[in-house]
Amino acid sequence: MPAGRTEMNRRLTATAALALLGLAAASPPVVAAPGVSPARAFVPREVIVKFEGERLARTVSVPAGVGVRRAAASLRRSPAVAYAAPNHLARASAATPSLTSNGLPNDPGPIDGPPGPPTGWVSLQWNFLPWAGGTGAALPTSPGGIDAVGAWRNLRDAGRSGGRGVVVAVLDTGVAYRSFGGRFLRSPDFATGQFVPGFDFVAGDRLPLDQNGHGTHVAGTIAEKTDNGIGLVGLAHGAKLMPVRVLDRHGSGEADDIARGIRFAVAHGADVINMSFNFGCNKAVPSIDEELRHAYRAGVVTVASIGNLGAETCVSPPATGPRVIGVGGTTEGGCLGSYSLTGEGIDVVAPGGGVPAIGCPSVSARPIYQVTLKSGDGRRFGEPGTYVGTSMAAAHVSGLAALVLASGVLEPQGSPQRAVNRVARRIRSTARDLGLPPIRQGAGLIDAAAATNPAP
């Protein structure tokens, strides 16, 4: 098991429950074996169980000699059990303040390359540029752009620049949000004031520091510091980030940790939760669904990647969970990414970079650039050209959800659940149709300027 987790404090021994069902093994119950079986995609000898009358699920240690699937199925037959399922594994879904006087950020581009012009970010961040029908006449256009510039203008005019006042929880591999000891450094393109306290559910402490780079990249797309003369820009650069580590240094995470991460984010004031990871195809993860329903009732917008072809074979949880905005990926040329899956559960698509799907006329295939770790040592930063996939796409939608919430285009009205519905509907209704069927593009490619435009 990951270091720092105190098993006896949070896990329920299964002896009594399984004995009632006639499944107790001859040998005594054991603590779950370390590691995860890639073939099974769940933690060996663990079942997540919720008993009737209890608010929270528990993780049960299954005795040696009892199969996980058999134990879960037998527990589900008990009238005392609300649900039981393996502790499924999720994996990261990556194929790996005011503006300046001219209305544009002054971020110069690569932090480890030669200095760029005052708008050097433009040369790399095609994903934030206006498309041909967008509003940014002073900038080059990109067929795959979402017109972040128009959205920044709308938010500035509303007095909530960059989504100020909104909190986005990033459930991921952690974020390089602060320096710690001699090993970890804060990303040079984040400011300490951008973060609210988070938690590390992998190591079991209050330092959700990134040892992979995926989480820092995702957080950068959502809210990297903008107009600070360093590196690149983030979409909702005025929003606060809540780092919640639920994936380990390899980008792998367990269902019970992820459920606790969602619960933590809701309890600590997140307005939006980004989940750039997926469980296996058609896996039932009831503990995650339960926490997602709780998030919905609390008025929290939840966003998830749909998964990548090759790693998954179908649109996968949590994107298929209750009231989650499921996001597919598009390319610089405004095409569907070759990795983006097809099926039910796709609400919209957003920039994920990479190679376009067969049949699209554009061959543009740049990745999504953001300042993140160049390696897992926690100290070296750059803009690696390897981040492609629906992980990156989901981050754009979470950033846009923050902008919509802050913009004032949706007047407060009704229940918290209705507020979540209206944010999702606003993002879908303003998306740009790519001429594809809904099972490929959902409502289309997000348009940040249109979604935050106060005009009817």
Protein backbone atom coordinates (compact mmCIF):
# COMPACT_ATOMS: atom_id res chain seq x y z
CA MET A 1 0.00 0.00 0.00
CA PRO A 2 1.19 3.59 -0.50
CA ALA A 3 3.41 4.90 2.28
CA GLY A 4 1.82 6.76 5.17
CA ARG A 5 -1.61 5.10 5.08
CA THR A 6 -2.77 3.80 8.45
CA GLU A 7 -4.77 0.77 7.45
CA MET A 8 -6.22 -0.16 10.84
CA ASN A 9 -7.65 3.32 11.31
CA ARG A 10 -9.65 3.35 8.10
CA ARG A 11 -10.21 -0.26 7.03
CA LEU A 12 -12.75 -2.70 8.40
CA THR A 13 -11.67 -6.34 8.79
CA ALA A 14 -14.11 -8.49 6.81
CA THR A 15 -14.20 -11.52 9.11
CA ALA A 16 -17.66 -10.95 10.58
CA ALA A 17 -19.33 -9.77 7.36
CA LEU A 18 -17.90 -12.58 5.25
CA ALA A 19 -18.46 -15.21 7.92
CA LEU A 20 -22.16 -14.35 7.91
CA LEU A 21 -22.14 -15.13 4.20
CA GLY A 22 -20.20 -18.36 4.61
CA LEU A 23 -17.07 -17.02 2.95
CA ALA A 24 -14.57 -16.83 5.79
CA ALA A 25 -11.35 -18.54 4.81
CA ALA A 26 -9.57 -21.03 7.04
CA SER A 27 -6.62 -18.72 7.48
CA PRO A 28 -6.97 -15.49 9.50
CA PRO A 29 -7.79 -12.21 7.71
CA VAL A 30 -4.80 -10.29 6.41
CA VAL A 31 -4.07 -6.69 5.54
CA ALA A 32 -4.36 -6.05 1.81
CA ALA A 33 -1.27 -7.05 -0.14
CA PRO A 34 0.85 -4.22 -1.55
CA GLY A 35 0.47 -3.14 -5.12
CA VAL A 36 -2.29 -3.43 -7.70
CA SER A 37 -2.84 -6.16 -10.24
CA PRO A 38 -2.73 -4.57 -13.71
CA ALA A 39 -4.75 -7.48 -15.09
CA ARG A 40 -7.51 -6.98 -12.55
CA ALA A 41 -7.32 -3.18 -12.29
CA PHE A 42 -8.29 -3.33 -8.63
CA VAL A 43 -6.47 -3.60 -5.32
CA PRO A 44 -5.97 -7.23 -4.27
CA ARG A 45 -7.93 -8.43 -1.20
CA GLU A 46 -10.00 -5.27 -0.82
CA VAL A 47 -13.70 -4.58 -1.26
CA ILE A 48 -15.45 -1.23 -0.77
CA VAL A 49 -18.67 -1.83 1.18
CA LYS A 50 -21.45 0.46 2.30
CA PHE A 51 -23.74 -0.94 4.98
CA GLU A 52 -27.38 0.14 5.16
CA GLY A 53 -27.86 2.99 7.62
CA GLU A 54 -24.26 4.23 7.38
CA ARG A 55 -23.39 7.47 5.55
CA LEU A 56 -19.95 6.44 4.33
CA ALA A 57 -18.56 3.34 2.68
CA ARG A 58 -15.74 1.33 4.24
CA THR A 59 -12.82 -0.53 2.72
CA VAL A 60 -12.87 -4.18 3.78
CA SER A 61 -9.79 -6.45 3.87
CA VAL A 62 -10.77 -9.78 2.33
CA PRO A 63 -9.34 -12.93 3.96
CA ALA A 64 -6.72 -14.93 2.08
CA GLY A 65 -8.28 -17.55 -0.12
CA VAL A 66 -11.42 -15.53 -0.89
CA GLY A 67 -11.66 -13.93 -4.33
CA VAL A 68 -12.39 -10.21 -4.49
CA ARG A 69 -15.19 -10.51 -7.04
CA ARG A 70 -16.75 -13.43 -5.15
CA ALA A 71 -16.60 -11.52 -1.87
CA ALA A 72 -18.18 -8.41 -3.42
CA ALA A 73 -20.95 -10.43 -5.09
CA SER A 74 -21.74 -12.30 -1.88
CA LEU A 75 -21.79 -9.11 0.19
CA ARG A 76 -24.22 -7.53 -2.27
CA ARG A 77 -26.68 -10.36 -1.55
CA SER A 78 -26.90 -9.37 2.10
CA PRO A 79 -29.85 -7.09 3.00
CA ALA A 80 -27.47 -5.27 5.37
CA VAL A 81 -25.28 -4.14 2.44
CA ALA A 82 -26.19 -1.13 0.26
CA TYR A 83 -23.40 -1.86 -2.22
CA ALA A 84 -20.09 -3.71 -2.51
CA ALA A 85 -17.47 -3.48 -5.25
CA PRO A 86 -13.74 -4.06 -5.76
CA ASN A 87 -11.44 -1.13 -4.92
CA HIS A 88 -11.03 -0.26 -8.60
CA LEU A 89 -7.98 1.49 -9.97
CA ALA A 90 -8.11 4.75 -11.93
CA ARG A 91 -5.36 6.05 -14.19
CA ALA A 92 -4.50 9.54 -15.40
CA SER A 93 -6.02 10.25 -18.84
CA ALA A 94 -3.04 11.74 -20.64
CA ALA A 95 -1.48 9.91 -23.58
CA THR A 96 0.90 11.26 -21.38
CA PRO A 97 -5.42 39.34 -12.07
CA SER A 98 -5.93 42.37 -14.58
CA LEU A 99 -4.47 42.24 -18.06
CA THR A 100 -1.87 44.59 -19.49
CA SER A 101 -2.80 47.87 -21.14
CA ASN A 102 -3.16 46.26 -24.57
CA GLY A 103 -5.61 43.74 -23.16
CA LEU A 104 -3.27 40.75 -23.52
CA PRO A 105 -1.13 38.86 -20.99
CA ASN A 106 2.60 39.60 -21.05
CA ASP A 107 3.71 36.00 -20.45
CA PRO A 108 6.78 35.46 -22.67
CA GLY A 109 6.62 31.74 -23.42
CA PRO A 110 9.09 28.96 -22.51
CA ILE A 111 10.70 29.37 -19.09
CA ASP A 112 13.79 27.42 -20.10
CA GLY A 113 14.30 28.87 -23.58
CA PRO A 114 15.24 32.22 -25.11
CA PRO A 115 13.04 35.19 -24.10
CA GLY A 116 10.04 35.70 -26.29
CA PRO A 117 8.07 38.81 -27.27
CA PRO A 118 5.58 40.31 -24.78
CA THR A 119 2.90 37.93 -26.05
CA GLY A 120 5.19 34.91 -26.44
CA TRP A 121 2.51 32.58 -25.02
CA VAL A 122 0.63 33.04 -28.31
CA SER A 123 3.30 31.08 -30.16
CA LEU A 124 2.61 27.95 -28.10
CA GLN A 125 -0.90 28.14 -26.71
CA TRP A 126 -2.98 27.68 -29.83
CA ASN A 127 -5.72 26.28 -27.58
CA PHE A 128 -6.46 29.70 -26.05
CA LEU A 129 -6.52 31.67 -29.32
CA PRO A 130 -9.69 32.83 -31.05
CA TRP A 131 -11.03 30.64 -33.83
CA ALA A 132 -11.83 32.23 -37.20
CA GLY A 133 -15.25 33.37 -35.99
CA GLY A 134 -14.04 34.48 -32.58
CA THR A 135 -13.59 37.89 -31.01
CA GLY A 136 -9.81 38.42 -30.83
CA ALA A 137 -9.08 40.40 -33.99
CA ALA A 138 -5.68 41.54 -32.69
CA LEU A 139 -4.38 37.95 -32.51
CA PRO A 140 -3.79 35.12 -34.96
CA THR A 141 -6.60 32.62 -35.05
CA SER A 142 -6.55 28.86 -34.54
CA PRO A 143 -9.16 26.41 -35.85
CA GLY A 144 -8.90 24.57 -32.54
CA GLY A 145 -8.91 27.63 -30.29
CA ILE A 146 -11.57 28.32 -27.65
CA ASP A 147 -11.24 32.14 -27.62
CA ALA A 148 -9.94 32.50 -24.08
CA VAL A 149 -9.03 36.10 -24.94
CA GLY A 150 -12.69 36.99 -25.43
CA ALA A 151 -13.57 35.28 -22.15
CA TRP A 152 -10.85 37.22 -20.28
CA ARG A 153 -12.33 40.43 -21.65
CA ASN A 154 -15.82 39.43 -20.51
CA LEU A 155 -14.59 38.59 -17.00
CA ARG A 156 -12.58 41.80 -16.76
CA ASP A 157 -15.68 43.80 -17.71
CA ALA A 158 -17.66 41.91 -15.03
CA GLY A 159 -15.10 42.82 -12.36
CA ARG A 160 -14.16 39.13 -11.76
CA SER A 161 -10.97 38.95 -13.78
CA GLY A 162 -9.90 35.41 -14.58
CA GLY A 163 -12.67 33.83 -12.52
CA ARG A 164 -11.85 35.53 -9.24
CA GLY A 165 -13.80 34.14 -6.29
CA VAL A 166 -14.13 30.57 -7.57
CA VAL A 167 -12.30 27.51 -6.16
CA VAL A 168 -11.34 24.62 -8.44
CA ALA A 169 -10.26 21.33 -6.84
CA VAL A 170 -7.71 19.38 -8.90
CA LEU A 171 -7.96 15.68 -8.05
CA ASP A 172 -4.78 14.31 -9.58
CA THR A 173 -1.13 13.40 -8.90
CA GLY A 174 -0.75 16.52 -6.76
CA VAL A 175 0.43 19.98 -7.75
CA ALA A 176 3.83 21.69 -7.47
CA TYR A 177 2.16 24.39 -5.41
CA ARG A 178 4.83 25.01 -2.77
CA SER A 179 8.47 24.34 -1.95
CA PHE A 180 9.22 21.73 0.70
CA GLY A 181 12.59 20.69 2.05
CA GLY A 182 15.35 20.23 -0.49
CA ARG A 183 13.35 18.10 -2.88
CA PHE A 184 10.18 19.94 -3.88
CA LEU A 185 9.97 23.37 -5.50
CA ARG A 186 6.92 25.43 -6.37
CA SER A 187 6.36 25.81 -10.09
CA PRO A 188 7.76 29.21 -11.13
CA ASP A 189 4.47 30.04 -12.87
CA PHE A 190 2.29 29.64 -9.80
CA ALA A 191 1.91 32.13 -6.95
CA THR A 192 1.42 31.04 -3.35
CA GLY A 193 -1.76 33.10 -3.10
CA GLN A 194 -3.41 30.98 -5.81
CA PHE A 195 -3.96 27.99 -3.54
CA VAL A 196 -6.30 26.95 -0.76
CA PRO A 197 -5.39 24.02 1.54
CA GLY A 198 -5.66 20.56 0.02
CA PHE A 199 -4.83 17.03 1.09
CA ASP A 200 -2.75 14.02 0.02
CA PHE A 201 -4.90 10.88 0.19
CA VAL A 202 -2.09 8.71 -1.18
CA ALA A 203 0.47 9.52 1.51
CA GLY A 204 -2.08 10.52 4.13
CA ASP A 205 -0.81 14.01 4.89
CA ARG A 206 -1.50 17.67 4.13
CA LEU A 207 1.18 18.08 1.45
CA PRO A 208 -0.34 17.05 -1.91
CA LEU A 209 2.90 17.65 -3.82
CA ASP A 210 3.31 16.38 -7.37
CA GLN A 211 5.81 13.63 -8.13
CA ASN A 212 4.64 13.04 -11.68
CA GLY A 213 3.89 16.30 -13.52
CA HIS A 214 0.39 15.40 -14.74
CA GLY A 215 -1.41 17.20 -11.92
CA THR A 216 0.72 20.34 -12.24
CA HIS A 217 0.06 20.44 -16.00
CA VAL A 218 -3.70 20.08 -15.49
CA ALA A 219 -3.69 22.76 -12.76
CA GLY A 220 -1.69 25.03 -15.06
CA THR A 221 -4.26 24.84 -17.84
CA ILE A 222 -6.99 25.67 -15.35
CA ALA A 223 -5.30 28.57 -13.55
CA GLU A 224 -1.60 29.07 -14.26
CA LYS A 225 -0.51 32.55 -13.22
CA THR A 226 -1.18 35.03 -16.04
CA ASP A 227 0.25 38.45 -16.86
CA ASN A 228 3.24 37.86 -14.55
CA GLY A 229 5.97 37.97 -17.18
CA ILE A 230 6.74 34.26 -16.68
CA GLY A 231 5.99 31.23 -18.83
CA LEU A 232 2.49 30.65 -20.12
CA VAL A 233 -1.12 31.46 -19.23
CA GLY A 234 -4.02 29.70 -17.51
CA LEU A 235 -7.67 29.91 -18.48
CA ALA A 236 -9.25 30.82 -15.11
CA HIS A 237 -6.11 32.58 -13.85
CA GLY A 238 -7.98 34.46 -11.12
CA ALA A 239 -9.51 31.35 -9.55
CA LYS A 240 -8.12 29.56 -6.50
CA LEU A 241 -6.77 26.02 -6.83
CA MET A 242 -7.27 23.23 -4.28
CA PRO A 243 -4.69 20.46 -4.80
CA VAL A 244 -6.04 17.02 -3.83
CA ARG A 245 -3.66 14.13 -4.44
CA VAL A 246 -5.51 10.90 -5.27
CA LEU A 247 -3.10 9.46 -7.89
CA ASP A 248 0.41 8.25 -7.08
CA ARG A 249 3.68 9.12 -8.81
CA HIS A 250 2.78 6.68 -11.60
CA GLY A 251 -0.63 8.25 -12.22
CA SER A 252 -2.53 5.42 -10.57
CA GLY A 253 -5.18 5.80 -7.86
CA GLU A 254 -7.62 3.72 -5.82
CA ALA A 255 -11.37 4.19 -5.72
CA ASP A 256 -11.54 4.69 -1.96
CA ASP A 257 -8.90 7.45 -2.04
CA ILE A 258 -10.69 9.14 -4.94
CA ALA A 259 -14.04 8.98 -3.13
CA ARG A 260 -12.45 10.62 -0.09
CA GLY A 261 -10.87 13.23 -2.35
CA ILE A 262 -14.25 14.19 -3.81
CA ARG A 263 -15.76 14.33 -0.32
CA PHE A 264 -12.89 16.53 0.90
CA ALA A 265 -13.25 18.96 -2.00
CA VAL A 266 -16.99 19.35 -1.42
CA ALA A 267 -16.58 19.78 2.34
CA HIS A 268 -13.85 22.40 1.95
CA GLY A 269 -15.57 24.76 -0.44
CA ALA A 270 -14.71 23.68 -3.98
CA ASP A 271 -17.00 25.10 -6.66
CA VAL A 272 -15.61 22.90 -9.44
CA ILE A 273 -13.87 19.50 -9.29
CA ASN A 274 -11.58 18.38 -12.12
CA MET A 275 -10.97 14.64 -12.58
CA SER A 276 -8.49 13.91 -15.39
CA PHE A 277 -8.41 10.15 -14.87
CA ASN A 278 -10.48 7.08 -15.65
CA PHE A 279 -11.40 3.69 -14.31
CA GLY A 280 -11.65 0.71 -16.63
CA CYS A 281 -14.31 0.34 -19.28
CA ASN A 282 -17.77 -0.44 -17.86
CA LYS A 283 -16.48 -0.68 -14.29
CA ALA A 284 -19.12 -0.03 -11.65
CA VAL A 285 -17.67 2.23 -8.95
CA PRO A 286 -20.61 2.90 -6.60
CA SER A 287 -18.57 4.71 -3.94
CA ILE A 288 -17.50 7.28 -6.55
CA ASP A 289 -21.04 7.67 -7.88
CA GLU A 290 -22.29 8.24 -4.34
CA GLU A 291 -19.81 11.06 -3.73
CA LEU A 292 -20.59 12.59 -7.13
CA ARG A 293 -24.28 12.68 -6.22
CA HIS A 294 -23.34 14.36 -2.96
CA ALA A 295 -21.28 16.93 -4.90
CA TYR A 296 -24.25 17.61 -7.16
CA ARG A 297 -26.60 18.13 -4.21
CA ALA A 298 -24.03 20.55 -2.75
CA GLY A 299 -23.93 22.60 -5.98
CA VAL A 300 -20.43 21.56 -7.08
CA VAL A 301 -19.72 21.26 -10.81
CA THR A 302 -17.85 18.04 -11.62
CA VAL A 303 -15.79 17.58 -14.80
CA ALA A 304 -14.00 14.45 -16.05
CA SER A 305 -12.05 13.19 -19.04
CA ILE A 306 -13.82 10.48 -21.05
CA GLY A 307 -10.61 8.42 -21.39
CA ASN A 308 -8.18 7.77 -24.22
CA LEU A 309 -8.38 5.12 -26.92
CA GLY A 310 -5.66 2.61 -26.17
CA ALA A 311 -5.83 3.04 -22.42
CA GLU A 312 -9.62 2.61 -22.40
CA THR A 313 -12.03 1.02 -24.87
CA CYS A 314 -15.17 2.97 -23.97
CA VAL A 315 -16.21 6.22 -22.32
CA SER A 316 -15.31 5.42 -18.72
CA PRO A 317 -16.06 6.49 -15.14
CA PRO A 318 -16.03 9.01 -13.59
CA ALA A 319 -17.09 10.75 -16.84
CA THR A 320 -20.17 8.53 -16.93
CA GLY A 321 -21.01 9.32 -13.28
CA PRO A 322 -24.03 11.28 -12.05
CA ARG A 323 -24.18 14.86 -13.40
CA VAL A 324 -20.51 14.84 -14.49
CA ILE A 325 -19.53 16.86 -17.58
CA GLY A 326 -17.73 14.28 -19.74
CA VAL A 327 -15.05 15.77 -22.02
CA GLY A 328 -13.47 14.45 -25.22
CA GLY A 329 -10.37 15.87 -26.92
CA THR A 330 -9.73 17.96 -30.04
CA THR A 331 -6.64 19.05 -31.95
CA GLU A 332 -5.02 22.28 -33.10
CA GLY A 333 -6.78 21.91 -36.44
CA GLY A 334 -10.21 21.73 -34.84
CA CYS A 335 -10.46 17.98 -35.41
CA LEU A 336 -11.39 15.22 -33.03
CA GLY A 337 -8.24 13.74 -31.53
CA SER A 338 -7.35 10.23 -32.72
CA TYR A 339 -7.39 9.16 -29.05
CA SER A 340 -10.85 10.55 -28.23
CA LEU A 341 -13.42 7.80 -27.63
CA THR A 342 -16.91 7.51 -29.06
CA GLY A 343 -20.09 6.79 -27.13
CA GLU A 344 -22.66 7.95 -24.64
CA GLY A 345 -21.43 10.23 -21.86
CA ILE A 346 -19.64 12.82 -24.02
CA ASP A 347 -21.05 16.26 -23.22
CA VAL A 348 -18.52 18.49 -25.01
CA VAL A 349 -15.03 18.38 -26.49
CA ALA A 350 -12.09 20.67 -25.70
CA PRO A 351 -8.44 21.01 -26.69
CA GLY A 352 -6.38 17.91 -25.96
CA GLY A 353 -3.85 18.29 -28.77
CA GLY A 354 -2.23 15.46 -30.66
CA VAL A 355 -2.89 13.68 -33.93
CA PRO A 356 -6.31 14.18 -35.55
CA ALA A 357 -8.72 11.34 -36.20
CA ILE A 358 -8.77 9.80 -39.67
CA GLY A 359 -10.82 11.81 -42.13
CA CYS A 360 -10.05 15.27 -40.77
CA PRO A 361 -8.34 17.53 -43.34
CA SER A 362 -5.98 19.23 -40.85
CA VAL A 363 -2.66 17.62 -39.96
CA SER A 364 -1.83 20.05 -37.14
CA ALA A 365 -0.83 17.94 -34.15
CA ARG A 366 0.83 20.09 -31.48
CA PRO A 367 0.33 19.10 -27.83
CA ILE A 368 -1.05 21.20 -24.98
CA TYR A 369 1.77 23.26 -23.52
CA GLN A 370 1.87 24.26 -19.86
CA VAL A 371 4.63 24.76 -17.29
CA THR A 372 5.10 21.55 -15.31
CA LEU A 373 7.72 19.14 -14.01
CA LYS A 374 10.20 17.94 -16.60
CA SER A 375 10.85 14.86 -14.47
CA GLY A 376 9.58 13.26 -11.28
CA ASP A 377 12.27 14.81 -9.09
CA GLY A 378 10.05 17.76 -8.14
CA ARG A 379 12.66 20.38 -9.02
CA ARG A 380 12.98 20.92 -12.78
CA PHE A 381 10.30 22.70 -14.79
CA GLY A 382 9.60 23.35 -18.43
CA GLU A 383 6.93 22.99 -21.14
CA PRO A 384 7.20 19.37 -22.25
CA GLY A 385 5.72 18.53 -25.63
CA THR A 386 4.28 15.20 -24.51
CA TYR A 387 0.95 16.15 -22.91
CA VAL A 388 -1.87 15.02 -25.18
CA GLY A 389 -5.25 13.55 -24.31
CA THR A 390 -8.61 13.98 -22.67
CA SER A 391 -6.92 14.83 -19.36
CA MET A 392 -5.88 18.10 -20.94
CA ALA A 393 -9.33 18.60 -22.47
CA ALA A 394 -11.11 18.20 -19.12
CA ALA A 395 -8.89 20.89 -17.59
CA HIS A 396 -10.13 23.40 -20.19
CA VAL A 397 -13.76 22.68 -19.27
CA SER A 398 -13.06 23.01 -15.53
CA GLY A 399 -11.42 26.37 -16.19
CA LEU A 400 -14.39 27.43 -18.30
CA ALA A 401 -16.85 26.32 -15.61
CA ALA A 402 -14.99 28.60 -13.16
CA LEU A 403 -15.25 31.51 -15.60
CA VAL A 404 -18.97 30.93 -16.16
CA LEU A 405 -19.60 30.83 -12.40
CA ALA A 406 -17.65 34.05 -11.87
CA SER A 407 -18.96 35.92 -14.91
CA GLY A 408 -22.46 36.65 -13.61
CA VAL A 409 -24.09 35.42 -16.82
CA LEU A 410 -26.10 33.00 -14.69
CA GLU A 411 -28.11 34.82 -12.07
CA PRO A 412 -28.41 32.99 -8.72
CA GLN A 413 -31.65 31.10 -8.85
CA GLY A 414 -33.14 28.00 -7.27
CA SER A 415 -31.39 25.06 -5.64
CA PRO A 416 -27.66 24.24 -5.73
CA GLN A 417 -28.47 21.40 -8.10
CA ARG A 418 -30.12 23.80 -10.51
CA ALA A 419 -26.98 25.96 -10.50
CA VAL A 420 -24.90 22.94 -11.56
CA ASN A 421 -27.38 22.14 -14.33
CA ARG A 422 -27.28 25.71 -15.63
CA VAL A 423 -23.48 25.80 -15.79
CA ALA A 424 -23.42 22.55 -17.75
CA ARG A 425 -26.22 23.74 -20.03
CA ARG A 426 -24.44 27.07 -20.66
CA ILE A 427 -21.21 25.31 -21.66
CA ARG A 428 -23.07 22.91 -23.96
CA SER A 429 -25.39 25.48 -25.54
CA THR A 430 -22.52 27.81 -26.51
CA ALA A 431 -20.26 25.06 -27.88
CA ARG A 432 -19.23 25.17 -31.53
CA ASP A 433 -20.61 22.38 -33.71
CA LEU A 434 -17.81 20.50 -35.50
CA GLY A 435 -20.26 18.68 -37.76
CA LEU A 436 -19.85 15.37 -35.96
CA PRO A 437 -22.52 13.15 -34.37
CA PRO A 438 -23.16 13.67 -30.64
CA ILE A 439 -21.57 10.34 -29.75
CA ARG A 440 -18.27 11.81 -31.01
CA GLN A 441 -18.41 15.50 -30.07
CA GLY A 442 -21.28 15.84 -27.60
CA ALA A 443 -22.56 19.39 -28.09
CA GLY A 444 -19.30 20.45 -29.80
CA LEU A 445 -16.06 22.31 -29.07
CA ILE A 446 -16.29 24.71 -26.11
CA ASP A 447 -16.27 28.45 -26.82
CA ALA A 448 -15.08 30.34 -23.75
CA ALA A 449 -15.99 33.79 -25.06
CA ALA A 450 -19.53 32.77 -25.99
CA ALA A 451 -20.08 30.95 -22.69
CA THR A 452 -19.14 34.05 -20.66
CA ASN A 453 -20.80 36.62 -22.90
CA PRO A 454 -23.49 38.50 -20.91
CA ALA A 455 -25.49 39.19 -24.06
CA PRO A 456 -28.47 36.86 -24.58
